C-alpha atoms as a PDB file:
ATOM      1  CA  MET A   1      11.074  30.582 -27.237  1.00  0.00           C
ATOM      2  CA  ASP A   2       8.901  28.925 -29.910  1.00  0.00           C
ATOM      3  CA  ARG A   3       7.697  25.518 -28.703  1.00  0.00           C
ATOM      4  CA  ARG A   4       8.631  24.001 -32.039  1.00  0.00           C
ATOM      5  CA  TYR A   5      12.304  24.779 -31.383  1.00  0.00           C
ATOM      6  CA  LEU A   6      12.041  23.309 -27.893  1.00  0.00           C
ATOM      7  CA  ARG A   7      10.512  20.169 -29.340  1.00  0.00           C
ATOM      8  CA  TYR A   8      13.253  19.906 -31.956  1.00  0.00           C
ATOM      9  CA  GLY A   9      15.840  20.455 -29.243  1.00  0.00           C
ATOM     10  CA  TYR A  10      14.453  17.596 -27.151  1.00  0.00           C
ATOM     11  CA  LEU A  11      14.360  15.339 -30.220  1.00  0.00           C
ATOM     12  CA  LEU A  12      17.945  16.214 -31.143  1.00  0.00           C
ATOM     13  CA  THR A  13      19.098  15.525 -27.580  1.00  0.00           C
ATOM     14  CA  ALA A  14      17.365  12.151 -27.585  1.00  0.00           C
ATOM     15  CA  CYS A  15      18.905  11.221 -30.938  1.00  0.00           C
ATOM     16  CA  LEU A  16      22.379  12.179 -29.760  1.00  0.00           C
ATOM     17  CA  PHE A  17      21.864  10.136 -26.610  1.00  0.00           C
ATOM     18  CA  VAL A  18      20.813   7.065 -28.604  1.00  0.00           C
ATOM     19  CA  ALA A  19      23.719   7.452 -31.012  1.00  0.00           C
ATOM     20  CA  ALA A  20      26.171   7.700 -28.135  1.00  0.00           C
ATOM     21  CA  VAL A  21      24.977   4.791 -26.033  1.00  0.00           C
ATOM     22  CA  VAL A  22      23.992   2.161 -28.607  1.00  0.00           C
ATOM     23  CA  PRO A  23      27.602   1.153 -29.427  1.00  0.00           C
ATOM     24  CA  ALA A  24      28.456   1.029 -25.751  1.00  0.00           C
ATOM     25  CA  ILE A  25      25.578  -0.948 -24.273  1.00  0.00           C
ATOM     26  CA  GLY A  26      23.840  -2.666 -27.177  1.00  0.00           C
ATOM     27  CA  CYS A  27      20.231  -2.552 -28.324  1.00  0.00           C
ATOM     28  CA  ARG A  28      18.752  -4.735 -25.587  1.00  0.00           C
ATOM     29  CA  SER A  29      20.380  -2.766 -22.808  1.00  0.00           C
ATOM     30  CA  LEU A  30      19.330   0.438 -24.517  1.00  0.00           C
ATOM     31  CA  LEU A  31      15.712  -0.697 -24.540  1.00  0.00           C
ATOM     32  CA  THR A  32      15.928  -1.387 -20.820  1.00  0.00           C
ATOM     33  CA  THR A  33      17.434   2.049 -20.251  1.00  0.00           C
ATOM     34  CA  VAL A  34      14.728   3.788 -22.292  1.00  0.00           C
ATOM     35  CA  VAL A  35      11.979   1.938 -20.402  1.00  0.00           C
ATOM     36  CA  PHE A  36      13.578   3.022 -17.132  1.00  0.00           C
ATOM     37  CA  LEU A  37      13.762   6.648 -18.282  1.00  0.00           C
ATOM     38  CA  VAL A  38      10.118   6.633 -19.352  1.00  0.00           C
ATOM     39  CA  LYS A  39       8.591   4.505 -16.611  1.00  0.00           C
ATOM     40  CA  GLY A  40      11.011   5.009 -13.745  1.00  0.00           C
ATOM     41  CA  THR A  41      11.139   2.291 -11.081  1.00  0.00           C
ATOM     42  CA  ASN A  42       7.375   1.736 -10.948  1.00  0.00           C
ATOM     43  CA  VAL A  43       6.086  -1.830 -11.168  1.00  0.00           C
ATOM     44  CA  ASP A  44       2.597  -3.059 -11.982  1.00  0.00           C
ATOM     45  CA  PRO A  45       0.231  -4.184  -9.199  1.00  0.00           C
ATOM     46  CA  GLU A  46      -0.504  -7.843  -8.541  1.00  0.00           C
ATOM     47  CA  TYR A  47      -4.255  -7.214  -8.758  1.00  0.00           C
ATOM     48  CA  GLU A  48      -5.909  -4.488 -10.837  1.00  0.00           C
ATOM     49  CA  GLY A  49      -9.560  -5.456 -10.366  1.00  0.00           C
ATOM     50  CA  LEU A  50     -10.472  -2.580  -8.029  1.00  0.00           C
ATOM     51  CA  LYS A  51     -10.717  -0.061 -10.865  1.00  0.00           C
ATOM     52  CA  GLU A  52     -14.174   1.457 -11.313  1.00  0.00           C
ATOM     53  CA  LYS A  53     -15.532  -0.538  -8.370  1.00  0.00           C
ATOM     54  CA  LYS A  54     -17.329   0.390  -5.164  1.00  0.00           C
ATOM     55  CA  VAL A  55     -15.024  -1.015  -2.505  1.00  0.00           C
ATOM     56  CA  VAL A  56     -15.277  -1.646   1.235  1.00  0.00           C
ATOM     57  CA  VAL A  57     -12.035  -1.962   3.190  1.00  0.00           C
ATOM     58  CA  VAL A  58     -12.325  -3.879   6.470  1.00  0.00           C
ATOM     59  CA  CYS A  59      -9.622  -4.989   8.887  1.00  0.00           C
ATOM     60  CA  ARG A  60      -9.969  -7.155  11.953  1.00  0.00           C
ATOM     61  CA  PRO A  61      -7.386  -8.490  14.411  1.00  0.00           C
ATOM     62  CA  LEU A  62      -7.185 -12.273  14.654  1.00  0.00           C
ATOM     63  CA  ALA A  63      -4.725 -12.160  17.530  1.00  0.00           C
ATOM     64  CA  SER A  64      -5.441 -10.456  20.843  1.00  0.00           C
ATOM     65  CA  LEU A  65      -3.832  -7.022  20.833  1.00  0.00           C
ATOM     66  CA  THR A  66      -2.809  -5.033  23.859  1.00  0.00           C
ATOM     67  CA  PHE A  67      -5.112  -2.232  24.939  1.00  0.00           C
ATOM     68  CA  ARG A  68      -2.746   0.389  23.548  1.00  0.00           C
ATOM     69  CA  ASP A  69      -3.008  -1.185  20.081  1.00  0.00           C
ATOM     70  CA  SER A  70      -6.740  -1.847  20.137  1.00  0.00           C
ATOM     71  CA  ASN A  71      -7.557   0.705  17.408  1.00  0.00           C
ATOM     72  CA  VAL A  72      -4.828  -0.378  15.006  1.00  0.00           C
ATOM     73  CA  ALA A  73      -7.146  -2.503  12.835  1.00  0.00           C
ATOM     74  CA  ARG A  74      -9.480   0.419  12.183  1.00  0.00           C
ATOM     75  CA  ASP A  75      -6.611   2.847  11.628  1.00  0.00           C
ATOM     76  CA  LEU A  76      -5.058   0.421   9.153  1.00  0.00           C
ATOM     77  CA  ALA A  77      -8.317   0.031   7.204  1.00  0.00           C
ATOM     78  CA  ARG A  78      -8.698   3.816   7.048  1.00  0.00           C
ATOM     79  CA  GLU A  79      -5.160   4.295   5.719  1.00  0.00           C
ATOM     80  CA  VAL A  80      -5.499   1.544   3.110  1.00  0.00           C
ATOM     81  CA  GLY A  81      -8.806   3.008   1.968  1.00  0.00           C
ATOM     82  CA  ALA A  82      -7.249   6.455   1.603  1.00  0.00           C
ATOM     83  CA  LEU A  83      -4.383   5.055  -0.498  1.00  0.00           C
ATOM     84  CA  LEU A  84      -6.778   3.173  -2.776  1.00  0.00           C
ATOM     85  CA  ARG A  85      -8.917   6.283  -3.205  1.00  0.00           C
ATOM     86  CA  THR A  86      -5.835   8.261  -4.255  1.00  0.00           C
ATOM     87  CA  ASN A  87      -4.121   5.706  -6.484  1.00  0.00           C
ATOM     88  CA  VAL A  88      -6.769   3.519  -8.140  1.00  0.00           C
ATOM     89  CA  ARG A  89      -8.591   4.947 -11.139  1.00  0.00           C
ATOM     90  CA  LYS A  90     -12.319   5.649 -10.726  1.00  0.00           C
ATOM     91  CA  ILE A  91     -12.587   3.693  -7.509  1.00  0.00           C
ATOM     92  CA  GLU A  92     -15.292   4.482  -4.946  1.00  0.00           C
ATOM     93  CA  VAL A  93     -14.157   3.592  -1.434  1.00  0.00           C
ATOM     94  CA  VAL A  94     -17.013   3.409   1.062  1.00  0.00           C
ATOM     95  CA  ASP A  95     -16.560   5.974   3.827  1.00  0.00           C
ATOM     96  CA  HIS A  96     -14.654   4.446   6.733  1.00  0.00           C
ATOM     97  CA  ASP A  97     -17.055   5.870   9.335  1.00  0.00           C
ATOM     98  CA  LYS A  98     -19.972   4.137   7.617  1.00  0.00           C
ATOM     99  CA  VAL A  99     -18.078   0.848   7.733  1.00  0.00           C
ATOM    100  CA  ASN A 100     -17.315   1.300  11.436  1.00  0.00           C
ATOM    101  CA  GLU A 101     -20.910   2.230  12.191  1.00  0.00           C
ATOM    102  CA  TRP A 102     -22.229  -0.906  10.512  1.00  0.00           C
ATOM    103  CA  THR A 103     -19.686  -3.268  12.077  1.00  0.00           C
ATOM    104  CA  ASP A 104     -20.342  -1.764  15.539  1.00  0.00           C
ATOM    105  CA  GLU A 105     -24.082  -2.258  15.249  1.00  0.00           C
ATOM    106  CA  HIS A 106     -24.124  -5.753  13.764  1.00  0.00           C
ATOM    107  CA  GLU A 107     -22.660  -9.127  14.543  1.00  0.00           C
ATOM    108  CA  TRP A 108     -20.733 -10.443  11.565  1.00  0.00           C
ATOM    109  CA  THR A 109     -18.270 -13.190  10.797  1.00  0.00           C
ATOM    110  CA  ASP A 110     -17.483 -12.835   7.087  1.00  0.00           C
ATOM    111  CA  TYR A 111     -16.121  -9.792   5.312  1.00  0.00           C
ATOM    112  CA  THR A 112     -18.673 -10.295   2.572  1.00  0.00           C
ATOM    113  CA  GLU A 113     -21.494  -9.544   5.028  1.00  0.00           C
ATOM    114  CA  VAL A 114     -20.130  -6.022   5.362  1.00  0.00           C
ATOM    115  CA  GLY A 115     -19.800  -5.629   1.617  1.00  0.00           C
ATOM    116  CA  GLU A 116     -23.335  -6.815   0.929  1.00  0.00           C
ATOM    117  CA  ALA A 117     -24.817  -4.593   3.639  1.00  0.00           C
ATOM    118  CA  LEU A 118     -23.077  -1.519   2.224  1.00  0.00           C
ATOM    119  CA  LYS A 119     -23.876  -2.473  -1.371  1.00  0.00           C
ATOM    120  CA  ALA A 120     -20.250  -2.760  -2.436  1.00  0.00           C
ATOM    121  CA  ASP A 121     -18.944  -4.513  -5.529  1.00  0.00           C
ATOM    122  CA  THR A 122     -15.767  -5.635  -3.804  1.00  0.00           C
ATOM    123  CA  VAL A 123     -14.452  -6.127  -0.279  1.00  0.00           C
ATOM    124  CA  VAL A 124     -10.796  -5.849   0.681  1.00  0.00           C
ATOM    125  CA  GLY A 125     -10.545  -7.910   3.876  1.00  0.00           C
ATOM    126  CA  ILE A 126      -7.399  -7.539   5.963  1.00  0.00           C
ATOM    127  CA  ASP A 127      -6.584 -10.024   8.718  1.00  0.00           C
ATOM    128  CA  LEU A 128      -4.229  -8.449  11.234  1.00  0.00           C
ATOM    129  CA  LEU A 129      -2.447 -11.544  12.502  1.00  0.00           C
ATOM    130  CA  SER A 130       0.034  -9.788  14.799  1.00  0.00           C
ATOM    131  CA  PHE A 131       1.147  -6.274  15.660  1.00  0.00           C
ATOM    132  CA  THR A 132       3.715  -4.807  18.014  1.00  0.00           C
ATOM    133  CA  ILE A 133       5.787  -1.605  18.112  1.00  0.00           C
ATOM    134  CA  TYR A 134       8.353  -2.503  20.766  1.00  0.00           C
ATOM    135  CA  GLN A 135      11.710  -4.210  20.682  1.00  0.00           C
ATOM    136  CA  GLY A 136      12.463  -4.434  24.380  1.00  0.00           C
ATOM    137  CA  GLN A 137      11.659  -1.608  26.787  1.00  0.00           C
ATOM    138  CA  THR A 138      13.745   1.185  25.274  1.00  0.00           C
ATOM    139  CA  LEU A 139      13.435   0.669  21.520  1.00  0.00           C
ATOM    140  CA  TYR A 140      10.631   0.985  19.008  1.00  0.00           C
ATOM    141  CA  GLN A 141      10.582  -1.453  16.117  1.00  0.00           C
ATOM    142  CA  GLY A 142       7.256  -2.250  14.532  1.00  0.00           C
ATOM    143  CA  LYS A 143       6.488  -5.811  13.488  1.00  0.00           C
ATOM    144  CA  ALA A 144       3.249  -7.016  11.946  1.00  0.00           C
ATOM    145  CA  ASN A 145       1.813  -9.884   9.940  1.00  0.00           C
ATOM    146  CA  VAL A 146      -1.213  -9.443   7.710  1.00  0.00           C
ATOM    147  CA  ALA A 147      -3.159 -11.481   5.192  1.00  0.00           C
ATOM    148  CA  VAL A 148      -5.348  -9.900   2.524  1.00  0.00           C
ATOM    149  CA  LYS A 149      -8.306 -11.281   0.587  1.00  0.00           C
ATOM    150  CA  VAL A 150     -10.377  -9.553  -2.051  1.00  0.00           C
ATOM    151  CA  TYR A 151     -13.976 -10.725  -2.505  1.00  0.00           C
ATOM    152  CA  ASP A 152     -16.144 -10.101  -5.551  1.00  0.00           C
ATOM    153  CA  CYS A 153     -19.620  -9.432  -4.161  1.00  0.00           C
ATOM    154  CA  THR A 154     -21.094  -9.400  -7.663  1.00  0.00           C
ATOM    155  CA  ASP A 155     -19.976 -12.956  -8.375  1.00  0.00           C
ATOM    156  CA  GLY A 156     -21.081 -15.054  -5.421  1.00  0.00           C
ATOM    157  CA  ASN A 157     -18.537 -13.505  -3.023  1.00  0.00           C
ATOM    158  CA  LYS A 158     -15.741 -15.316  -4.829  1.00  0.00           C
ATOM    159  CA  VAL A 159     -12.186 -14.747  -3.607  1.00  0.00           C
ATOM    160  CA  VAL A 160     -10.438 -13.067  -6.543  1.00  0.00           C
ATOM    161  CA  PHE A 161      -7.153 -12.210  -4.842  1.00  0.00           C
ATOM    162  CA  GLU A 162      -5.411 -13.664  -1.799  1.00  0.00           C
ATOM    163  CA  LYS A 163      -2.043 -12.850  -0.274  1.00  0.00           C
ATOM    164  CA  GLU A 164      -0.272 -13.335   3.044  1.00  0.00           C
ATOM    165  CA  LEU A 165       2.399 -10.660   3.185  1.00  0.00           C
ATOM    166  CA  PRO A 166       5.913 -11.215   4.504  1.00  0.00           C
ATOM    167  CA  GLN A 167       6.362  -9.872   8.012  1.00  0.00           C
ATOM    168  CA  SER A 168       6.520  -6.078   7.975  1.00  0.00           C
ATOM    169  CA  VAL A 169       9.378  -4.677  10.071  1.00  0.00           C
ATOM    170  CA  TYR A 170       9.770  -0.926  10.639  1.00  0.00           C
ATOM    171  CA  PRO A 171      12.429   0.307  10.639  1.00  0.00           C
ATOM    172  CA  PRO A 172      13.874  -2.840   9.042  1.00  0.00           C
ATOM    173  CA  ASN A 173      17.462  -2.720  10.295  1.00  0.00           C
ATOM    174  CA  ALA A 174      17.518  -1.025  13.688  1.00  0.00           C
ATOM    175  CA  GLY A 175      15.215   0.111  16.451  1.00  0.00           C
ATOM    176  CA  VAL A 176      14.411   3.717  17.384  1.00  0.00           C
ATOM    177  CA  GLU A 177      15.045   4.994  20.909  1.00  0.00           C
ATOM    178  CA  THR A 178      11.738   5.429  22.723  1.00  0.00           C
ATOM    179  CA  PHE A 179      12.794   8.811  24.129  1.00  0.00           C
ATOM    180  CA  SER A 180      13.063  10.223  20.590  1.00  0.00           C
ATOM    181  CA  LYS A 181       9.329  10.384  19.893  1.00  0.00           C
ATOM    182  CA  PRO A 182       5.938   9.654  21.505  1.00  0.00           C
ATOM    183  CA  GLU A 183       4.567   6.138  21.276  1.00  0.00           C
ATOM    184  CA  ALA A 184       1.412   7.278  19.449  1.00  0.00           C
ATOM    185  CA  GLU A 185       3.483   9.015  16.767  1.00  0.00           C
ATOM    186  CA  PHE A 186       5.613   5.946  16.096  1.00  0.00           C
ATOM    187  CA  ARG A 187       2.553   3.685  16.003  1.00  0.00           C
ATOM    188  CA  ARG A 188       0.856   6.025  13.531  1.00  0.00           C
ATOM    189  CA  LYS A 189       3.913   6.019  11.238  1.00  0.00           C
ATOM    190  CA  PHE A 190       4.159   2.237  11.353  1.00  0.00           C
ATOM    191  CA  VAL A 191       0.471   1.864  10.495  1.00  0.00           C
ATOM    192  CA  ARG A 192       1.018   4.097   7.470  1.00  0.00           C
ATOM    193  CA  VAL A 193       4.017   2.030   6.361  1.00  0.00           C
ATOM    194  CA  LEU A 194       1.990  -1.170   6.737  1.00  0.00           C
ATOM    195  CA  ALA A 195      -0.936   0.345   4.828  1.00  0.00           C
ATOM    196  CA  ASP A 196       1.401   1.342   2.005  1.00  0.00           C
ATOM    197  CA  GLN A 197       2.795  -2.194   1.793  1.00  0.00           C
ATOM    198  CA  ILE A 198      -0.764  -3.529   1.514  1.00  0.00           C
ATOM    199  CA  GLY A 199      -1.984  -0.895  -0.913  1.00  0.00           C
ATOM    200  CA  ARG A 200       0.860  -1.477  -3.381  1.00  0.00           C
ATOM    201  CA  HIS A 201      -0.733  -4.757  -4.402  1.00  0.00           C
ATOM    202  CA  PHE A 202      -3.506  -2.797  -6.119  1.00  0.00           C
ATOM    203  CA  TYR A 203      -1.803   0.055  -7.989  1.00  0.00           C
ATOM    204  CA  PRO A 204       1.543   0.821  -9.686  1.00  0.00           C
ATOM    205  CA  HIS A 205       4.250   1.648  -7.182  1.00  0.00           C
ATOM    206  CA  ASP A 206       7.946   2.277  -6.754  1.00  0.00           C
ATOM    207  CA  ALA A 207       9.759  -1.040  -6.535  1.00  0.00           C
ATOM    208  CA  HIS A 208      12.324   0.530  -4.187  1.00  0.00           C
ATOM    209  CA  ALA A 209       9.900   2.308  -1.873  1.00  0.00           C
ATOM    210  CA  ASP A 210      11.169   0.536   1.264  1.00  0.00           C
ATOM    211  CA  ILE A 211      14.840   1.412   0.817  1.00  0.00           C
ATOM    212  CA  ALA A 212      14.685   4.597   2.895  1.00  0.00           C
ATOM    213  CA  LEU A 213      12.511   3.292   5.724  1.00  0.00           C
ATOM    214  CA  ASP A 214      15.348   3.349   8.272  1.00  0.00           C
ATOM    215  CA  ALA A 215      15.905   7.043   7.583  1.00  0.00           C
ATOM    216  CA  THR A 216      12.209   7.988   7.641  1.00  0.00           C
ATOM    217  CA  ALA A 217      11.777   6.332  11.040  1.00  0.00           C
ATOM    218  CA  LEU A 218      14.127   8.953  12.525  1.00  0.00           C
ATOM    219  CA  ASP A 219      12.196  11.940  11.132  1.00  0.00           C
END
């Protein structure tokens, strides 16, 4: 079929839709509806300054973690970095292995030391304040607290964004029986959920992304 006719068909459908709904819902409500149809449920990020920047993502635990959770900070940094690389326009995320290599070989106290050493424009520093995946002995339910700071290494290491997130709970409404899946698998899924909740602060995202978390925990 000629594309011109398809285009006219779409235009006619849109006009009929507008004509039908304007009397019923009013102009203001119509505008809201049209925005929803065009944009969906996405919302803008709180901080958009990572675009076109060379970025280091570093996470460190501030609370003592159990041995089984000792690699969570690095796993979380890797996942956040991957999400930023995928969702932020023209960003360059420094390879996670390079970050680990530098932090293993040097003593450091400030996130900005890592950024300066790796010649980054910006550092996303994640403080892992707490992390657990158990609710009692027979149920998994991840709980974590994190705080995030973004440092501008090109402007005197100034803090340009700062946020302490609400406690992350996964799944939010009920635990998962431990016999249903291996501990490592549940921990990995929770780290990905936590990384997603951090990453959303830097790129457009679905405002209702957490609604189905109880169901995904059972997959």
